[in-house]
Full PDB file with SEQRES, HELIX, SHEET, SSBOND, CRYST1, ORIGX, SCALE, CONECT and MASTER records, all heavy atoms in Angstrom:
SEQRES   1 A   34  LYS TYR GLY VAL PRO PRO GLU VAL ASP VAL MET PHE ASP          
SEQRES   2 A   34  VAL ARG PHE LEU PRO ASN PRO PHE TYR ILE MET ASP LEU          
SEQRES   3 A   34  ARG MET LYS THR GLY LEU GLU LYS                              
HELIX    1 AA1 PRO A   20  TYR A   22  5                                   3    
CRYST1    1.000    1.000    1.000  90.00  90.00  90.00 P 1           1          
ORIGX1      1.000000  0.000000  0.000000        0.00000                         
ORIGX2      0.000000  1.000000  0.000000        0.00000                         
ORIGX3      0.000000  0.000000  1.000000        0.00000                         
SCALE1      1.000000  0.000000  0.000000        0.00000                         
SCALE2      0.000000  1.000000  0.000000        0.00000                         
SCALE3      0.000000  0.000000  1.000000        0.00000                         
ATOM      1  N   LYS A   1      79.879 110.022  78.329  1.00  0.00           N  
ATOM      2  CA  LYS A   1      78.889 108.955  78.468  1.00  0.00           C  
ATOM      3  C   LYS A   1      77.505 109.514  78.801  1.00  0.00           C  
ATOM      4  O   LYS A   1      76.494 108.825  78.629  1.00  0.00           O  
ATOM      5  CB  LYS A   1      79.332 107.959  79.545  1.00  0.00           C  
ATOM      6  CG  LYS A   1      79.375 108.515  80.943  1.00  0.00           C  
ATOM      7  CD  LYS A   1      79.991 107.516  81.929  1.00  0.00           C  
ATOM      8  CE  LYS A   1      79.126 106.295  82.123  1.00  0.00           C  
ATOM      9  NZ  LYS A   1      79.685 105.392  83.149  1.00  0.00           N  
ATOM     10  N   TYR A   2      77.449 110.759  79.253  1.00  0.00           N  
ATOM     11  CA  TYR A   2      76.178 111.401  79.571  1.00  0.00           C  
ATOM     12  C   TYR A   2      75.769 112.440  78.521  1.00  0.00           C  
ATOM     13  O   TYR A   2      74.790 113.160  78.705  1.00  0.00           O  
ATOM     14  CB  TYR A   2      76.251 112.064  80.945  1.00  0.00           C  
ATOM     15  CG  TYR A   2      76.638 111.115  82.051  1.00  0.00           C  
ATOM     16  CD1 TYR A   2      77.862 111.250  82.707  1.00  0.00           C  
ATOM     17  CD2 TYR A   2      75.809 110.059  82.410  1.00  0.00           C  
ATOM     18  CE1 TYR A   2      78.233 110.370  83.717  1.00  0.00           C  
ATOM     19  CE2 TYR A   2      76.180 109.173  83.410  1.00  0.00           C  
ATOM     20  CZ  TYR A   2      77.394 109.327  84.057  1.00  0.00           C  
ATOM     21  OH  TYR A   2      77.752 108.449  85.040  1.00  0.00           O  
ATOM     22  N   GLY A   3      76.532 112.522  77.454  1.00  0.00           N  
ATOM     23  CA  GLY A   3      76.205 113.449  76.382  1.00  0.00           C  
ATOM     24  C   GLY A   3      76.960 114.764  76.471  1.00  0.00           C  
ATOM     25  O   GLY A   3      77.364 115.189  77.556  1.00  0.00           O  
ATOM     26  N   VAL A   4      77.142 115.400  75.321  1.00  0.00           N  
ATOM     27  CA  VAL A   4      77.836 116.685  75.262  1.00  0.00           C  
ATOM     28  C   VAL A   4      76.864 117.796  75.669  1.00  0.00           C  
ATOM     29  O   VAL A   4      75.746 117.854  75.154  1.00  0.00           O  
ATOM     30  CB  VAL A   4      78.378 116.952  73.847  1.00  0.00           C  
ATOM     31  CG1 VAL A   4      79.010 118.335  73.766  1.00  0.00           C  
ATOM     32  CG2 VAL A   4      79.385 115.877  73.457  1.00  0.00           C  
ATOM     33  N   PRO A   5      77.251 118.682  76.581  1.00  0.00           N  
ATOM     34  CA  PRO A   5      76.365 119.795  76.975  1.00  0.00           C  
ATOM     35  C   PRO A   5      76.040 120.687  75.779  1.00  0.00           C  
ATOM     36  O   PRO A   5      76.947 121.126  75.072  1.00  0.00           O  
ATOM     37  CB  PRO A   5      77.192 120.559  78.025  1.00  0.00           C  
ATOM     38  CG  PRO A   5      78.215 119.576  78.504  1.00  0.00           C  
ATOM     39  CD  PRO A   5      78.514 118.691  77.333  1.00  0.00           C  
ATOM     40  N   PRO A   6      74.770 120.957  75.536  1.00  0.00           N  
ATOM     41  CA  PRO A   6      74.403 121.763  74.351  1.00  0.00           C  
ATOM     42  C   PRO A   6      74.893 123.199  74.416  1.00  0.00           C  
ATOM     43  O   PRO A   6      75.005 123.862  73.386  1.00  0.00           O  
ATOM     44  CB  PRO A   6      72.867 121.693  74.353  1.00  0.00           C  
ATOM     45  CG  PRO A   6      72.499 121.400  75.768  1.00  0.00           C  
ATOM     46  CD  PRO A   6      73.599 120.523  76.299  1.00  0.00           C  
ATOM     47  N   GLU A   7      75.188 123.698  75.633  1.00  0.00           N  
ATOM     48  CA  GLU A   7      75.588 125.102  75.760  1.00  0.00           C  
ATOM     49  C   GLU A   7      77.075 125.333  75.497  1.00  0.00           C  
ATOM     50  O   GLU A   7      77.538 126.489  75.465  1.00  0.00           O  
ATOM     51  CB  GLU A   7      75.241 125.638  77.155  1.00  0.00           C  
ATOM     52  CG  GLU A   7      75.949 124.937  78.303  1.00  0.00           C  
ATOM     53  CD  GLU A   7      75.143 123.800  78.890  1.00  0.00           C  
ATOM     54  OE1 GLU A   7      74.515 123.053  78.117  1.00  0.00           O  
ATOM     55  OE2 GLU A   7      75.149 123.641  80.128  1.00  0.00           O  
ATOM     56  N   VAL A   8      77.857 124.264  75.311  1.00  0.00           N  
ATOM     57  CA  VAL A   8      79.298 124.404  75.110  1.00  0.00           C  
ATOM     58  C   VAL A   8      79.601 125.036  73.755  1.00  0.00           C  
ATOM     59  O   VAL A   8      79.058 124.633  72.727  1.00  0.00           O  
ATOM     60  CB  VAL A   8      79.996 123.034  75.231  1.00  0.00           C  
ATOM     61  CG1 VAL A   8      81.418 123.095  74.684  1.00  0.00           C  
ATOM     62  CG2 VAL A   8      80.018 122.582  76.684  1.00  0.00           C  
ATOM     63  N   ASP A   9      80.463 126.051  73.750  1.00  0.00           N  
ATOM     64  CA  ASP A   9      80.890 126.705  72.511  1.00  0.00           C  
ATOM     65  C   ASP A   9      82.157 126.071  71.941  1.00  0.00           C  
ATOM     66  O   ASP A   9      82.283 125.886  70.730  1.00  0.00           O  
ATOM     67  CB  ASP A   9      81.146 128.200  72.769  1.00  0.00           C  
ATOM     68  CG  ASP A   9      79.895 128.941  73.186  1.00  0.00           C  
ATOM     69  OD1 ASP A   9      78.966 129.014  72.373  1.00  0.00           O  
ATOM     70  OD2 ASP A   9      79.844 129.436  74.329  1.00  0.00           O  
ATOM     71  N   VAL A  10      83.131 125.787  72.811  1.00  0.00           N  
ATOM     72  CA  VAL A  10      84.405 125.200  72.397  1.00  0.00           C  
ATOM     73  C   VAL A  10      84.667 123.993  73.288  1.00  0.00           C  
ATOM     74  O   VAL A  10      84.644 124.117  74.520  1.00  0.00           O  
ATOM     75  CB  VAL A  10      85.564 126.214  72.523  1.00  0.00           C  
ATOM     76  CG1 VAL A  10      86.868 125.580  72.052  1.00  0.00           C  
ATOM     77  CG2 VAL A  10      85.270 127.474  71.721  1.00  0.00           C  
ATOM     78  N   MET A  11      84.921 122.847  72.692  1.00  0.00           N  
ATOM     79  CA  MET A  11      85.031 121.598  73.456  1.00  0.00           C  
ATOM     80  C   MET A  11      86.402 120.949  73.281  1.00  0.00           C  
ATOM     81  O   MET A  11      86.971 120.951  72.182  1.00  0.00           O  
ATOM     82  CB  MET A  11      83.946 120.622  72.994  1.00  0.00           C  
ATOM     83  CG  MET A  11      83.938 119.293  73.726  1.00  0.00           C  
ATOM     84  SD  MET A  11      82.612 118.225  73.094  1.00  0.00           S  
ATOM     85  CE  MET A  11      83.189 117.916  71.419  1.00  0.00           C  
ATOM     86  N   PHE A  12      86.917 120.406  74.383  1.00  0.00           N  
ATOM     87  CA  PHE A  12      88.177 119.670  74.365  1.00  0.00           C  
ATOM     88  C   PHE A  12      87.947 118.285  74.964  1.00  0.00           C  
ATOM     89  O   PHE A  12      87.340 118.147  76.031  1.00  0.00           O  
ATOM     90  CB  PHE A  12      89.249 120.422  75.159  1.00  0.00           C  
ATOM     91  CG  PHE A  12      89.541 121.800  74.632  1.00  0.00           C  
ATOM     92  CD1 PHE A  12      88.942 122.920  75.203  1.00  0.00           C  
ATOM     93  CD2 PHE A  12      90.378 121.983  73.541  1.00  0.00           C  
ATOM     94  CE1 PHE A  12      89.188 124.186  74.716  1.00  0.00           C  
ATOM     95  CE2 PHE A  12      90.628 123.244  73.038  1.00  0.00           C  
ATOM     96  CZ  PHE A  12      90.038 124.355  73.622  1.00  0.00           C  
ATOM     97  N   ASP A  13      88.441 117.273  74.267  1.00  0.00           N  
ATOM     98  CA  ASP A  13      88.287 115.877  74.679  1.00  0.00           C  
ATOM     99  C   ASP A  13      89.598 115.408  75.313  1.00  0.00           C  
ATOM    100  O   ASP A  13      90.641 115.366  74.650  1.00  0.00           O  
ATOM    101  CB  ASP A  13      87.956 115.034  73.446  1.00  0.00           C  
ATOM    102  CG  ASP A  13      87.721 113.571  73.769  1.00  0.00           C  
ATOM    103  OD1 ASP A  13      88.014 113.138  74.905  1.00  0.00           O  
ATOM    104  OD2 ASP A  13      87.256 112.845  72.874  1.00  0.00           O  
ATOM    105  N   VAL A  14      89.580 115.060  76.613  1.00  0.00           N  
ATOM    106  CA  VAL A  14      90.808 114.651  77.300  1.00  0.00           C  
ATOM    107  C   VAL A  14      90.792 113.165  77.651  1.00  0.00           C  
ATOM    108  O   VAL A  14      91.497 112.715  78.551  1.00  0.00           O  
ATOM    109  CB  VAL A  14      91.041 115.501  78.571  1.00  0.00           C  
ATOM    110  CG1 VAL A  14      91.247 116.955  78.199  1.00  0.00           C  
ATOM    111  CG2 VAL A  14      89.892 115.358  79.561  1.00  0.00           C  
ATOM    112  N   ARG A  15      90.032 112.373  76.911  1.00  0.00           N  
ATOM    113  CA  ARG A  15      89.984 110.937  77.179  1.00  0.00           C  
ATOM    114  C   ARG A  15      91.271 110.226  76.789  1.00  0.00           C  
ATOM    115  O   ARG A  15      91.433 109.040  77.097  1.00  0.00           O  
ATOM    116  CB  ARG A  15      88.788 110.316  76.435  1.00  0.00           C  
ATOM    117  CG  ARG A  15      87.440 110.670  77.051  1.00  0.00           C  
ATOM    118  CD  ARG A  15      86.275 110.109  76.250  1.00  0.00           C  
ATOM    119  NE  ARG A  15      86.147 110.784  74.965  1.00  0.00           N  
ATOM    120  CZ  ARG A  15      85.163 110.534  74.087  1.00  0.00           C  
ATOM    121  NH1 ARG A  15      84.243 109.620  74.380  1.00  0.00           N  
ATOM    122  NH2 ARG A  15      85.102 111.189  72.953  1.00  0.00           N  
ATOM    123  N   PHE A  16      92.183 110.929  76.151  1.00  0.00           N  
ATOM    124  CA  PHE A  16      93.471 110.323  75.805  1.00  0.00           C  
ATOM    125  C   PHE A  16      94.399 110.208  77.012  1.00  0.00           C  
ATOM    126  O   PHE A  16      95.411 109.500  76.971  1.00  0.00           O  
ATOM    127  CB  PHE A  16      94.168 111.126  74.697  1.00  0.00           C  
ATOM    128  CG  PHE A  16      94.564 112.514  75.099  1.00  0.00           C  
ATOM    129  CD1 PHE A  16      95.825 112.760  75.618  1.00  0.00           C  
ATOM    130  CD2 PHE A  16      93.684 113.578  74.961  1.00  0.00           C  
ATOM    131  CE1 PHE A  16      96.202 114.043  76.002  1.00  0.00           C  
ATOM    132  CE2 PHE A  16      94.045 114.855  75.334  1.00  0.00           C  
ATOM    133  CZ  PHE A  16      95.299 115.097  75.860  1.00  0.00           C  
ATOM    134  N   LEU A  17      94.077 110.902  78.092  1.00  0.00           N  
ATOM    135  CA  LEU A  17      94.907 110.861  79.298  1.00  0.00           C  
ATOM    136  C   LEU A  17      94.561 109.632  80.141  1.00  0.00           C  
ATOM    137  O   LEU A  17      93.429 109.146  80.115  1.00  0.00           O  
ATOM    138  CB  LEU A  17      94.697 112.130  80.135  1.00  0.00           C  
ATOM    139  CG  LEU A  17      95.086 113.451  79.481  1.00  0.00           C  
ATOM    140  CD1 LEU A  17      94.671 114.621  80.365  1.00  0.00           C  
ATOM    141  CD2 LEU A  17      96.586 113.485  79.212  1.00  0.00           C  
ATOM    142  N   PRO A  18      95.531 109.107  80.907  1.00  0.00           N  
ATOM    143  CA  PRO A  18      95.270 107.953  81.779  1.00  0.00           C  
ATOM    144  C   PRO A  18      94.106 108.235  82.727  1.00  0.00           C  
ATOM    145  O   PRO A  18      94.002 109.319  83.300  1.00  0.00           O  
ATOM    146  CB  PRO A  18      96.584 107.777  82.542  1.00  0.00           C  
ATOM    147  CG  PRO A  18      97.621 108.373  81.640  1.00  0.00           C  
ATOM    148  CD  PRO A  18      96.953 109.523  80.953  1.00  0.00           C  
ATOM    149  N   ASN A  19      93.235 107.244  82.894  1.00  0.00           N  
ATOM    150  CA  ASN A  19      92.014 107.420  83.656  1.00  0.00           C  
ATOM    151  C   ASN A  19      92.180 106.990  85.117  1.00  0.00           C  
ATOM    152  O   ASN A  19      92.416 105.807  85.391  1.00  0.00           O  
ATOM    153  CB  ASN A  19      90.882 106.610  83.024  1.00  0.00           C  
ATOM    154  CG  ASN A  19      89.515 106.988  83.559  1.00  0.00           C  
ATOM    155  OD1 ASN A  19      89.404 107.686  84.563  1.00  0.00           O  
ATOM    156  ND2 ASN A  19      88.481 106.515  82.883  1.00  0.00           N  
ATOM    157  N   PRO A  20      92.033 107.905  86.072  1.00  0.00           N  
ATOM    158  CA  PRO A  20      92.139 107.538  87.498  1.00  0.00           C  
ATOM    159  C   PRO A  20      91.076 106.541  87.933  1.00  0.00           C  
ATOM    160  O   PRO A  20      91.205 105.925  88.996  1.00  0.00           O  
ATOM    161  CB  PRO A  20      91.940 108.886  88.217  1.00  0.00           C  
ATOM    162  CG  PRO A  20      92.311 109.912  87.212  1.00  0.00           C  
ATOM    163  CD  PRO A  20      91.865 109.365  85.901  1.00  0.00           C  
ATOM    164  N   PHE A  21      90.043 106.360  87.150  1.00  0.00           N  
ATOM    165  CA  PHE A  21      88.992 105.407  87.489  1.00  0.00           C  
ATOM    166  C   PHE A  21      89.558 104.004  87.688  1.00  0.00           C  
ATOM    167  O   PHE A  21      89.028 103.206  88.475  1.00  0.00           O  
ATOM    168  CB  PHE A  21      87.940 105.399  86.375  1.00  0.00           C  
ATOM    169  CG  PHE A  21      86.832 104.412  86.588  1.00  0.00           C  
ATOM    170  CD1 PHE A  21      85.738 104.731  87.387  1.00  0.00           C  
ATOM    171  CD2 PHE A  21      86.880 103.163  85.985  1.00  0.00           C  
ATOM    172  CE1 PHE A  21      84.714 103.815  87.576  1.00  0.00           C  
ATOM    173  CE2 PHE A  21      85.861 102.240  86.174  1.00  0.00           C  
ATOM    174  CZ  PHE A  21      84.773 102.564  86.973  1.00  0.00           C  
ATOM    175  N   TYR A  22      90.626 103.693  86.958  1.00  0.00           N  
ATOM    176  CA  TYR A  22      91.198 102.346  87.023  1.00  0.00           C  
ATOM    177  C   TYR A  22      92.222 102.188  88.141  1.00  0.00           C  
ATOM    178  O   TYR A  22      92.844 101.135  88.272  1.00  0.00           O  
ATOM    179  CB  TYR A  22      91.822 101.986  85.672  1.00  0.00           C  
ATOM    180  CG  TYR A  22      90.775 101.935  84.579  1.00  0.00           C  
ATOM    181  CD1 TYR A  22      90.731 102.908  83.582  1.00  0.00           C  
ATOM    182  CD2 TYR A  22      89.815 100.926  84.551  1.00  0.00           C  
ATOM    183  CE1 TYR A  22      89.761 102.877  82.584  1.00  0.00           C  
ATOM    184  CE2 TYR A  22      88.847 100.878  83.556  1.00  0.00           C  
ATOM    185  CZ  TYR A  22      88.820 101.863  82.586  1.00  0.00           C  
ATOM    186  OH  TYR A  22      87.865 101.816  81.611  1.00  0.00           O  
ATOM    187  N   ILE A  23      92.404 103.232  88.942  1.00  0.00           N  
ATOM    188  CA  ILE A  23      93.247 103.148  90.144  1.00  0.00           C  
ATOM    189  C   ILE A  23      92.296 103.021  91.328  1.00  0.00           C  
ATOM    190  O   ILE A  23      91.546 103.952  91.626  1.00  0.00           O  
ATOM    191  CB  ILE A  23      94.143 104.395  90.287  1.00  0.00           C  
ATOM    192  CG1 ILE A  23      94.942 104.653  89.005  1.00  0.00           C  
ATOM    193  CG2 ILE A  23      95.052 104.254  91.496  1.00  0.00           C  
ATOM    194  CD1 ILE A  23      95.894 103.547  88.627  1.00  0.00           C  
ATOM    195  N   MET A  24      92.321 101.866  91.994  1.00  0.00           N  
ATOM    196  CA  MET A  24      91.315 101.590  93.008  1.00  0.00           C  
ATOM    197  C   MET A  24      91.273 102.646  94.096  1.00  0.00           C  
ATOM    198  O   MET A  24      90.197 103.002  94.593  1.00  0.00           O  
ATOM    199  CB  MET A  24      91.569 100.209  93.621  1.00  0.00           C  
ATOM    200  CG  MET A  24      91.337  99.058  92.650  1.00  0.00           C  
ATOM    201  SD  MET A  24      89.681  99.110  91.892  1.00  0.00           S  
ATOM    202  CE  MET A  24      88.632  98.992  93.349  1.00  0.00           C  
ATOM    203  N   ASP A  25      92.430 103.199  94.490  1.00  0.00           N  
ATOM    204  CA  ASP A  25      92.452 104.211  95.551  1.00  0.00           C  
ATOM    205  C   ASP A  25      91.864 105.549  95.098  1.00  0.00           C  
ATOM    206  O   ASP A  25      91.544 106.402  95.934  1.00  0.00           O  
ATOM    207  CB  ASP A  25      93.889 104.432  96.038  1.00  0.00           C  
ATOM    208  CG  ASP A  25      94.430 103.227  96.799  1.00  0.00           C  
ATOM    209  OD1 ASP A  25      93.611 102.404  97.253  1.00  0.00           O  
ATOM    210  OD2 ASP A  25      95.661 103.129  96.930  1.00  0.00           O  
ATOM    211  N   LEU A  26      91.736 105.729  93.783  1.00  0.00           N  
ATOM    212  CA  LEU A  26      91.251 106.996  93.245  1.00  0.00           C  
ATOM    213  C   LEU A  26      89.837 106.917  92.682  1.00  0.00           C  
ATOM    214  O   LEU A  26      89.202 107.951  92.472  1.00  0.00           O  
ATOM    215  CB  LEU A  26      92.191 107.504  92.148  1.00  0.00           C  
ATOM    216  CG  LEU A  26      93.662 107.704  92.541  1.00  0.00           C  
ATOM    217  CD1 LEU A  26      94.452 108.186  91.328  1.00  0.00           C  
ATOM    218  CD2 LEU A  26      93.793 108.685  93.694  1.00  0.00           C  
ATOM    219  N   ARG A  27      89.348 105.716  92.444  1.00  0.00           N  
ATOM    220  CA  ARG A  27      88.075 105.538  91.743  1.00  0.00           C  
ATOM    221  C   ARG A  27      86.935 106.316  92.383  1.00  0.00           C  
ATOM    222  O   ARG A  27      86.125 106.936  91.675  1.00  0.00           O  
ATOM    223  CB  ARG A  27      87.724 104.061  91.666  1.00  0.00           C  
ATOM    224  CG  ARG A  27      86.376 103.785  91.035  1.00  0.00           C  
ATOM    225  CD  ARG A  27      86.113 102.322  90.826  1.00  0.00           C  
ATOM    226  NE  ARG A  27      87.054 101.734  89.868  1.00  0.00           N  
ATOM    227  CZ  ARG A  27      86.949 100.480  89.414  1.00  0.00           C  
ATOM    228  NH1 ARG A  27      85.973  99.695  89.859  1.00  0.00           N  
ATOM    229  NH2 ARG A  27      87.825 100.021  88.552  1.00  0.00           N  
ATOM    230  N   MET A  28      86.812 106.287  93.683  1.00  0.00           N  
ATOM    231  CA  MET A  28      85.687 106.920  94.365  1.00  0.00           C  
ATOM    232  C   MET A  28      85.941 108.394  94.698  1.00  0.00           C  
ATOM    233  O   MET A  28      85.079 109.055  95.263  1.00  0.00           O  
ATOM    234  CB  MET A  28      85.341 106.153  95.640  1.00  0.00           C  
ATOM    235  CG  MET A  28      85.004 104.684  95.401  1.00  0.00           C  
ATOM    236  SD  MET A  28      83.710 104.474  94.129  1.00  0.00           S  
ATOM    237  CE  MET A  28      82.324 105.282  94.920  1.00  0.00           C  
ATOM    238  N   LYS A  29      87.114 108.881  94.354  1.00  0.00           N  
ATOM    239  CA  LYS A  29      87.427 110.289  94.578  1.00  0.00           C  
ATOM    240  C   LYS A  29      87.080 111.099  93.332  1.00  0.00           C  
ATOM    241  O   LYS A  29      86.714 110.542  92.297  1.00  0.00           O  
ATOM    242  CB  LYS A  29      88.910 110.455  94.934  1.00  0.00           C  
ATOM    243  CG  LYS A  29      89.338 109.743  96.227  1.00  0.00           C  
ATOM    244  CD  LYS A  29      90.804 109.976  96.517  1.00  0.00           C  
ATOM    245  CE  LYS A  29      91.258 109.222  97.762  1.00  0.00           C  
ATOM    246  NZ  LYS A  29      90.572 109.705  98.978  1.00  0.00           N  
ATOM    247  N   THR A  30      87.207 112.417  93.412  1.00  0.00           N  
ATOM    248  CA  THR A  30      86.933 113.289  92.268  1.00  0.00           C  
ATOM    249  C   THR A  30      88.160 114.129  91.945  1.00  0.00           C  
ATOM    250  O   THR A  30      89.136 114.167  92.716  1.00  0.00           O  
ATOM    251  CB  THR A  30      85.753 114.243  92.551  1.00  0.00           C  
ATOM    252  OG1 THR A  30      86.184 115.277  93.453  1.00  0.00           O  
ATOM    253  CG2 THR A  30      84.577 113.498  93.160  1.00  0.00           C  
ATOM    254  N   GLY A  31      88.078 114.818  90.829  1.00  0.00           N  
ATOM    255  CA  GLY A  31      89.171 115.676  90.407  1.00  0.00           C  
ATOM    256  C   GLY A  31      89.389 116.886  91.287  1.00  0.00           C  
ATOM    257  O   GLY A  31      90.370 117.624  91.108  1.00  0.00           O  
ATOM    258  N   LEU A  32      88.501 117.102  92.258  1.00  0.00           N  
ATOM    259  CA  LEU A  32      88.691 118.198  93.197  1.00  0.00           C  
ATOM    260  C   LEU A  32      89.584 117.805  94.367  1.00  0.00           C  
ATOM    261  O   LEU A  32      89.954 118.666  95.171  1.00  0.00           O  
ATOM    262  CB  LEU A  32      87.330 118.677  93.732  1.00  0.00           C  
ATOM    263  CG  LEU A  32      86.370 119.286  92.695  1.00  0.00           C  
ATOM    264  CD1 LEU A  32      85.050 119.639  93.351  1.00  0.00           C  
ATOM    265  CD2 LEU A  32      86.995 120.509  92.035  1.00  0.00           C  
ATOM    266  N   GLU A  33      89.910 116.531  94.447  1.00  0.00           N  
ATOM    267  CA  GLU A  33      90.741 116.045  95.550  1.00  0.00           C  
ATOM    268  C   GLU A  33      92.198 115.950  95.111  1.00  0.00           C  
ATOM    269  O   GLU A  33      92.510 115.637  93.961  1.00  0.00           O  
ATOM    270  CB  GLU A  33      90.219 114.702  96.040  1.00  0.00           C  
ATOM    271  CG  GLU A  33      88.795 114.816  96.588  1.00  0.00           C  
ATOM    272  CD  GLU A  33      88.228 113.489  97.046  1.00  0.00           C  
ATOM    273  OE1 GLU A  33      88.750 112.934  98.040  1.00  0.00           O  
ATOM    274  OE2 GLU A  33      87.273 112.998  96.419  1.00  0.00           O  
ATOM    275  N   LYS A  34      93.084 116.226  96.056  1.00  0.00           N  
ATOM    276  CA  LYS A  34      94.506 116.378  95.762  1.00  0.00           C  
ATOM    277  C   LYS A  34      95.115 115.143  95.116  1.00  0.00           C  
ATOM    278  O   LYS A  34      95.951 115.246  94.213  1.00  0.00           O  
ATOM    279  CB  LYS A  34      95.262 116.718  97.060  1.00  0.00           C  
ATOM    280  CG  LYS A  34      96.696 117.185  96.829  1.00  0.00           C  
ATOM    281  CD  LYS A  34      96.715 118.494  96.058  1.00  0.00           C  
ATOM    282  CE  LYS A  34      98.150 119.002  95.865  1.00  0.00           C  
ATOM    283  NZ  LYS A  34      98.169 120.261  95.098  1.00  0.00           N  
TER     284      LYS A  34                                                      
MASTER        0    0    0    1    0    0    0    6  283    1    0    3          
END                                                                             
């Protein structure tokens, strides 16, 4: 949603995986949290 980084050489799209954004307990957390 913020655009593809121009410096990327090889890109993988993982939007096919279930999105934690739609889990209320996880929405405000990040992928760095357990």
